[in-house]
Each structure stands twice: as C-alpha cells, then as structure tokens.
C-alpha atoms as a PDB file:
ATOM      1  CA  MET A   1      16.419  21.885 -44.509  1.00  0.00           C
ATOM      2  CA  ASP A   2      15.419  22.620 -40.902  1.00  0.00           C
ATOM      3  CA  LYS A   3      12.609  24.905 -39.818  1.00  0.00           C
ATOM      4  CA  TYR A   4      11.535  25.902 -36.322  1.00  0.00           C
ATOM      5  CA  PHE A   5       8.225  27.473 -35.485  1.00  0.00           C
ATOM      6  CA  GLU A   6       5.438  28.304 -33.095  1.00  0.00           C
ATOM      7  CA  ILE A   7       1.918  27.261 -34.034  1.00  0.00           C
ATOM      8  CA  GLU A   8      -0.801  29.888 -33.774  1.00  0.00           C
ATOM      9  CA  LYS A   9      -3.463  29.500 -31.114  1.00  0.00           C
ATOM     10  CA  GLY A  10      -6.826  28.548 -32.555  1.00  0.00           C
ATOM     11  CA  SER A  11      -5.407  26.858 -35.672  1.00  0.00           C
ATOM     12  CA  PRO A  12      -6.651  23.314 -36.418  1.00  0.00           C
ATOM     13  CA  ILE A  13      -3.365  21.641 -35.428  1.00  0.00           C
ATOM     14  CA  TYR A  14      -3.194  23.696 -32.216  1.00  0.00           C
ATOM     15  CA  ASN A  15      -6.736  22.725 -31.227  1.00  0.00           C
ATOM     16  CA  ASP A  16      -6.175  19.066 -32.161  1.00  0.00           C
ATOM     17  CA  TYR A  17      -2.936  18.907 -30.175  1.00  0.00           C
ATOM     18  CA  PHE A  18      -4.527  20.145 -26.957  1.00  0.00           C
ATOM     19  CA  ARG A  19      -7.541  17.864 -27.536  1.00  0.00           C
ATOM     20  CA  TYR A  20      -5.047  15.007 -27.889  1.00  0.00           C
ATOM     21  CA  LEU A  21      -3.470  15.924 -24.515  1.00  0.00           C
ATOM     22  CA  GLU A  22      -6.891  15.808 -22.832  1.00  0.00           C
ATOM     23  CA  GLU A  23      -7.761  12.472 -24.457  1.00  0.00           C
ATOM     24  CA  ALA A  24      -4.359  11.065 -23.446  1.00  0.00           C
ATOM     25  CA  LYS A  25      -4.991  12.129 -19.833  1.00  0.00           C
ATOM     26  CA  LYS A  26      -8.365  10.349 -19.869  1.00  0.00           C
ATOM     27  CA  MET A  27      -6.806   7.244 -21.422  1.00  0.00           C
ATOM     28  CA  THR A  28      -4.114   7.189 -18.730  1.00  0.00           C
ATOM     29  CA  SER A  29      -6.802   7.288 -16.036  1.00  0.00           C
ATOM     30  CA  ILE A  30      -8.659   4.452 -17.732  1.00  0.00           C
ATOM     31  CA  PHE A  31      -5.485   2.394 -18.053  1.00  0.00           C
ATOM     32  CA  ASN A  32      -4.558   3.008 -14.402  1.00  0.00           C
ATOM     33  CA  ALA A  33      -7.959   1.723 -13.254  1.00  0.00           C
ATOM     34  CA  PHE A  34      -7.691  -1.208 -15.671  1.00  0.00           C
ATOM     35  CA  ALA A  35      -4.174  -2.029 -14.450  1.00  0.00           C
ATOM     36  CA  GLU A  36      -5.295  -1.944 -10.833  1.00  0.00           C
ATOM     37  CA  LYS A  37      -8.237  -4.238 -11.620  1.00  0.00           C
ATOM     38  CA  HIS A  38      -5.951  -6.793 -13.290  1.00  0.00           C
ATOM     39  CA  GLY A  39      -2.878  -6.406 -11.066  1.00  0.00           C
ATOM     40  CA  ILE A  40      -0.687  -4.922 -13.793  1.00  0.00           C
ATOM     41  CA  GLU A  41       2.356  -3.099 -12.395  1.00  0.00           C
ATOM     42  CA  ALA A  42       3.451  -1.425 -15.627  1.00  0.00           C
ATOM     43  CA  SER A  43       2.844   2.294 -15.915  1.00  0.00           C
ATOM     44  CA  GLU A  44       3.864   2.651 -19.569  1.00  0.00           C
ATOM     45  CA  PHE A  45       1.388   1.421 -22.146  1.00  0.00           C
ATOM     46  CA  ILE A  46       0.324   1.746 -25.763  1.00  0.00           C
ATOM     47  CA  PRO A  47      -3.446   1.661 -26.204  1.00  0.00           C
ATOM     48  CA  ARG A  48      -5.120   0.403 -29.356  1.00  0.00           C
ATOM     49  CA  LYS A  49      -8.769  -0.410 -30.006  1.00  0.00           C
ATOM     50  CA  LYS A  50      -8.155  -4.158 -30.316  1.00  0.00           C
ATOM     51  CA  LYS A  51      -4.814  -4.535 -28.519  1.00  0.00           C
ATOM     52  CA  LEU A  52      -3.050  -3.445 -25.354  1.00  0.00           C
ATOM     53  CA  TYR A  53       0.726  -3.177 -25.119  1.00  0.00           C
ATOM     54  CA  ILE A  54       2.611  -2.572 -21.880  1.00  0.00           C
ATOM     55  CA  LEU A  55       6.239  -2.133 -20.946  1.00  0.00           C
ATOM     56  CA  PRO A  56       6.138  -4.966 -18.396  1.00  0.00           C
ATOM     57  CA  THR A  57       7.934  -5.038 -15.082  1.00  0.00           C
ATOM     58  CA  GLU A  58       9.636  -8.281 -14.034  1.00  0.00           C
ATOM     59  CA  LYS A  59       6.578  -9.123 -11.935  1.00  0.00           C
ATOM     60  CA  ASP A  60       4.295  -8.518 -14.951  1.00  0.00           C
ATOM     61  CA  LYS A  61       6.452 -10.900 -17.003  1.00  0.00           C
ATOM     62  CA  ASP A  62       6.136 -13.574 -14.315  1.00  0.00           C
ATOM     63  CA  VAL A  63       2.417 -13.120 -13.681  1.00  0.00           C
ATOM     64  CA  PHE A  64       1.214 -12.615 -17.270  1.00  0.00           C
ATOM     65  CA  GLY A  65       3.864 -14.523 -19.238  1.00  0.00           C
ATOM     66  CA  ARG A  66       1.415 -16.834 -21.035  1.00  0.00           C
ATOM     67  CA  LYS A  67      -1.030 -14.024 -21.687  1.00  0.00           C
ATOM     68  CA  PHE A  68       1.521 -12.133 -23.807  1.00  0.00           C
ATOM     69  CA  THR A  69       2.202 -12.726 -27.480  1.00  0.00           C
ATOM     70  CA  GLN A  70       5.647 -14.010 -28.442  1.00  0.00           C
ATOM     71  CA  GLY A  71       8.547 -11.569 -28.711  1.00  0.00           C
ATOM     72  CA  TYR A  72       9.031  -7.961 -27.768  1.00  0.00           C
ATOM     73  CA  GLY A  73       8.239  -4.770 -29.624  1.00  0.00           C
ATOM     74  CA  GLU A  74      10.744  -2.151 -30.690  1.00  0.00           C
ATOM     75  CA  TYR A  75      10.755  -0.498 -27.241  1.00  0.00           C
ATOM     76  CA  GLY A  76      10.550  -3.659 -25.122  1.00  0.00           C
ATOM     77  CA  GLU A  77       6.766  -3.649 -25.005  1.00  0.00           C
ATOM     78  CA  LYS A  78       4.648  -6.791 -24.848  1.00  0.00           C
ATOM     79  CA  GLN A  79       1.155  -7.255 -26.253  1.00  0.00           C
ATOM     80  CA  PHE A  80      -1.550  -9.082 -24.365  1.00  0.00           C
ATOM     81  CA  LYS A  81      -2.980 -11.876 -26.510  1.00  0.00           C
ATOM     82  CA  CYS A  82      -6.299 -10.829 -28.016  1.00  0.00           C
ATOM     83  CA  ASN A  83      -8.013 -14.004 -26.776  1.00  0.00           C
ATOM     84  CA  SER A  84      -6.732 -13.657 -23.187  1.00  0.00           C
ATOM     85  CA  ASP A  85      -9.113 -12.461 -20.474  1.00  0.00           C
ATOM     86  CA  ILE A  86      -7.104  -9.227 -20.196  1.00  0.00           C
ATOM     87  CA  GLY A  87      -7.055  -8.708 -23.982  1.00  0.00           C
ATOM     88  CA  LYS A  88     -10.817  -9.213 -24.201  1.00  0.00           C
ATOM     89  CA  ASP A  89     -11.497  -6.944 -21.224  1.00  0.00           C
ATOM     90  CA  TRP A  90      -9.346  -4.202 -22.762  1.00  0.00           C
ATOM     91  CA  VAL A  91     -11.344  -4.304 -26.014  1.00  0.00           C
ATOM     92  CA  TYR A  92     -14.563  -4.124 -23.993  1.00  0.00           C
ATOM     93  CA  THR A  93     -13.220  -1.265 -21.832  1.00  0.00           C
ATOM     94  CA  VAL A  94     -12.233   1.003 -24.738  1.00  0.00           C
ATOM     95  CA  GLN A  95     -14.911   0.043 -27.264  1.00  0.00           C
ATOM     96  CA  ASP A  96     -16.728   3.395 -27.078  1.00  0.00           C
ATOM     97  CA  MET A  97     -13.678   5.575 -26.545  1.00  0.00           C
ATOM     98  CA  PRO A  98     -11.369   7.379 -28.954  1.00  0.00           C
ATOM     99  CA  ILE A  99      -7.754   6.235 -28.844  1.00  0.00           C
ATOM    100  CA  PRO A 100      -5.605   9.389 -28.654  1.00  0.00           C
ATOM    101  CA  HIS A 101      -3.134  10.024 -31.460  1.00  0.00           C
ATOM    102  CA  LYS A 102      -0.703  12.907 -31.544  1.00  0.00           C
ATOM    103  CA  PRO A 103      -1.421  15.151 -34.547  1.00  0.00           C
ATOM    104  CA  MET A 104       0.953  14.910 -37.488  1.00  0.00           C
ATOM    105  CA  TYR A 105       1.851  17.916 -39.629  1.00  0.00           C
ATOM    106  CA  PHE A 106       0.990  16.087 -42.817  1.00  0.00           C
ATOM    107  CA  THR A 107      -2.667  15.800 -41.857  1.00  0.00           C
ATOM    108  CA  TYR A 108      -2.856  19.567 -42.277  1.00  0.00           C
ATOM    109  CA  GLY A 109      -1.602  19.847 -45.836  1.00  0.00           C
ATOM    110  CA  LEU A 110       2.169  19.938 -45.454  1.00  0.00           C
ATOM    111  CA  HIS A 111       3.917  17.782 -48.050  1.00  0.00           C
ATOM    112  CA  VAL A 112       7.501  16.639 -47.710  1.00  0.00           C
ATOM    113  CA  LEU A 113       9.026  13.954 -49.880  1.00  0.00           C
ATOM    114  CA  GLY A 114      11.996  11.967 -48.657  1.00  0.00           C
ATOM    115  CA  ARG A 115      13.394  11.431 -45.188  1.00  0.00           C
ATOM    116  CA  PHE A 116      12.318  13.798 -42.448  1.00  0.00           C
ATOM    117  CA  SER A 117      12.032  14.146 -38.700  1.00  0.00           C
ATOM    118  CA  SER A 118       9.615  16.277 -36.742  1.00  0.00           C
ATOM    119  CA  ARG A 119       8.636  17.254 -33.236  1.00  0.00           C
ATOM    120  CA  LEU A 120       5.635  18.910 -31.709  1.00  0.00           C
ATOM    121  CA  PHE A 121       5.424  19.931 -28.057  1.00  0.00           C
ATOM    122  CA  ASN A 122       3.858  22.482 -25.792  1.00  0.00           C
ATOM    123  CA  ILE A 123       5.214  24.726 -23.098  1.00  0.00           C
ATOM    124  CA  GLY A 124       2.179  25.920 -21.235  1.00  0.00           C
ATOM    125  CA  GLU A 125      -0.320  27.150 -23.800  1.00  0.00           C
ATOM    126  CA  ASN A 126       2.331  27.683 -26.485  1.00  0.00           C
ATOM    127  CA  LEU A 127       2.800  25.009 -29.120  1.00  0.00           C
ATOM    128  CA  TYR A 128       6.166  24.627 -30.843  1.00  0.00           C
ATOM    129  CA  GLY A 129       7.493  22.394 -33.542  1.00  0.00           C
ATOM    130  CA  SER A 130      10.315  21.702 -35.887  1.00  0.00           C
ATOM    131  CA  LEU A 131      10.773  19.873 -39.154  1.00  0.00           C
ATOM    132  CA  SER A 132      13.984  18.594 -40.611  1.00  0.00           C
ATOM    133  CA  ALA A 133      13.804  17.285 -44.162  1.00  0.00           C
ATOM    134  CA  HIS A 134      16.766  15.683 -45.861  1.00  0.00           C
ATOM    135  CA  GLU A 135      17.442  16.417 -49.513  1.00  0.00           C
ATOM    136  CA  CYS A 136      14.235  18.380 -50.093  1.00  0.00           C
ATOM    137  CA  SER A 137      12.588  21.690 -49.288  1.00  0.00           C
ATOM    138  CA  PHE A 138       9.146  22.637 -48.015  1.00  0.00           C
ATOM    139  CA  GLU A 139       7.127  25.681 -47.039  1.00  0.00           C
ATOM    140  CA  LEU A 140       5.454  26.088 -43.678  1.00  0.00           C
ATOM    141  CA  LEU A 141       1.695  26.451 -43.595  1.00  0.00           C
ATOM    142  CA  GLU A 142       0.105  29.757 -42.614  1.00  0.00           C
ATOM    143  CA  CYS A 143      -0.559  28.792 -38.983  1.00  0.00           C
ATOM    144  CA  ARG A 144       3.147  28.317 -38.264  1.00  0.00           C
ATOM    145  CA  LYS A 145       5.234  31.339 -37.316  1.00  0.00           C
ATOM    146  CA  GLU A 146       8.828  30.557 -38.258  1.00  0.00           C
ATOM    147  CA  MET A 147      11.601  31.396 -35.801  1.00  0.00           C
ATOM    148  CA  LYS A 148      15.360  31.233 -35.776  1.00  0.00           C
ATOM    149  CA  ALA A 149      16.964  28.013 -34.533  1.00  0.00           C
ATOM    150  CA  SER A 150      18.734  29.980 -31.781  1.00  0.00           C
ATOM    151  CA  GLU A 151      15.409  31.361 -30.522  1.00  0.00           C
ATOM    152  CA  PHE A 152      13.848  27.869 -30.613  1.00  0.00           C
ATOM    153  CA  TYR A 153      16.709  26.277 -28.664  1.00  0.00           C
ATOM    154  CA  LYS A 154      16.731  29.170 -26.197  1.00  0.00           C
ATOM    155  CA  ILE A 155      13.075  28.366 -25.382  1.00  0.00           C
ATOM    156  CA  LEU A 156      13.957  24.666 -24.944  1.00  0.00           C
ATOM    157  CA  GLU A 157      16.910  25.450 -22.672  1.00  0.00           C
ATOM    158  CA  SER A 158      14.860  27.856 -20.594  1.00  0.00           C
ATOM    159  CA  GLU A 159      12.165  25.208 -20.076  1.00  0.00           C
ATOM    160  CA  LYS A 160      14.780  22.566 -19.220  1.00  0.00           C
ATOM    161  CA  GLU A 161      16.343  24.857 -16.608  1.00  0.00           C
ATOM    162  CA  LYS A 162      12.917  25.647 -15.176  1.00  0.00           C
ATOM    163  CA  LYS A 163      12.143  21.927 -14.763  1.00  0.00           C
ATOM    164  CA  ASN A 164      15.535  21.275 -13.182  1.00  0.00           C
ATOM    165  CA  HIS A 165      14.897  24.009 -10.605  1.00  0.00           C
ATOM    166  CA  GLU A 166      11.478  22.543  -9.789  1.00  0.00           C
ATOM    167  CA  LYS A 167      13.046  19.187  -8.826  1.00  0.00           C
END
C-alpha cells in the first residue's frame, strides 16, 4: 500500500522537520570549522555525540589513516578512533549541542508492521511525504493530507525541472 501526502503547517512533525533543518545547518557550520581546524578535506560527515564519521577523500585517507577505525561503513564512511586527538576534540566540540535527527513518522503515532519505505522532504515551506508498506495497511494521521500519486509526482517533477533550469 502506497500513500502520498502533504503535512499540515504547524503540526508537530512539520515543526520538528524544520527545526531539524536548522539544527543540521548549524551542525554543518560546526563541522566545517572543525574540519578546517584539523585539515580534513571531506565535506560529507555523520555526526554523533561520541563519534565522528566522514566520507574521506584520498588525502584524508593518507593523512588520517591511523586515526580511523578499521574497515568502512555502508556508504564508504570512516570513523575517527574515539581515543585519537580528533575523536576526543569532536566529543568536546559537540558535548553541549543536539545532534540533528530527521523526524520519523513513527514517532508521531503511526504504526506499520512489516517492511516499509518512507520519505519526507520539503519544497519551500511545504512538507511532503510518502509511505509504502508491503503486505500491510495503515491509516494516515490527521496532520497528513493525502494526495493522488500523480499529483505527488507532478510536484516532484516540477521541482526537478525548476532546479535544472537554475543550473
């Protein structure tokens, strides 16, 4: 079962999503300053309270090789060892800061059993989402205004075309 929807402005998930975007922006600024301080080239990172993961460039691999844990993550990311100077400085840097996490539908009372996929994204001030659940059904919560798949994909295509024209 697939459902497509727009989330009402002012609802808890709407407010939390845009708060998440602001926190993510702040975290990116903090990481950029941290990366500059330590000579990290990578621009993609995964922040955690006690760990920092980056998608290292070749130079990062050469420079920080011994400061990384063994192996790569699912997306090619590397974690700085917790006892390395960079690992310790990261923990110190973010100790009083919230680590941004994208809101999940299930935090807001939606229950789906079985396999599912979801997406949540904004276009300007509008927040859209979709849920696809395999072998089960579900009802949308009140703050979600259901729309036809064609309408949903029309919005996506329009935004894609707009971004292509801006390039």
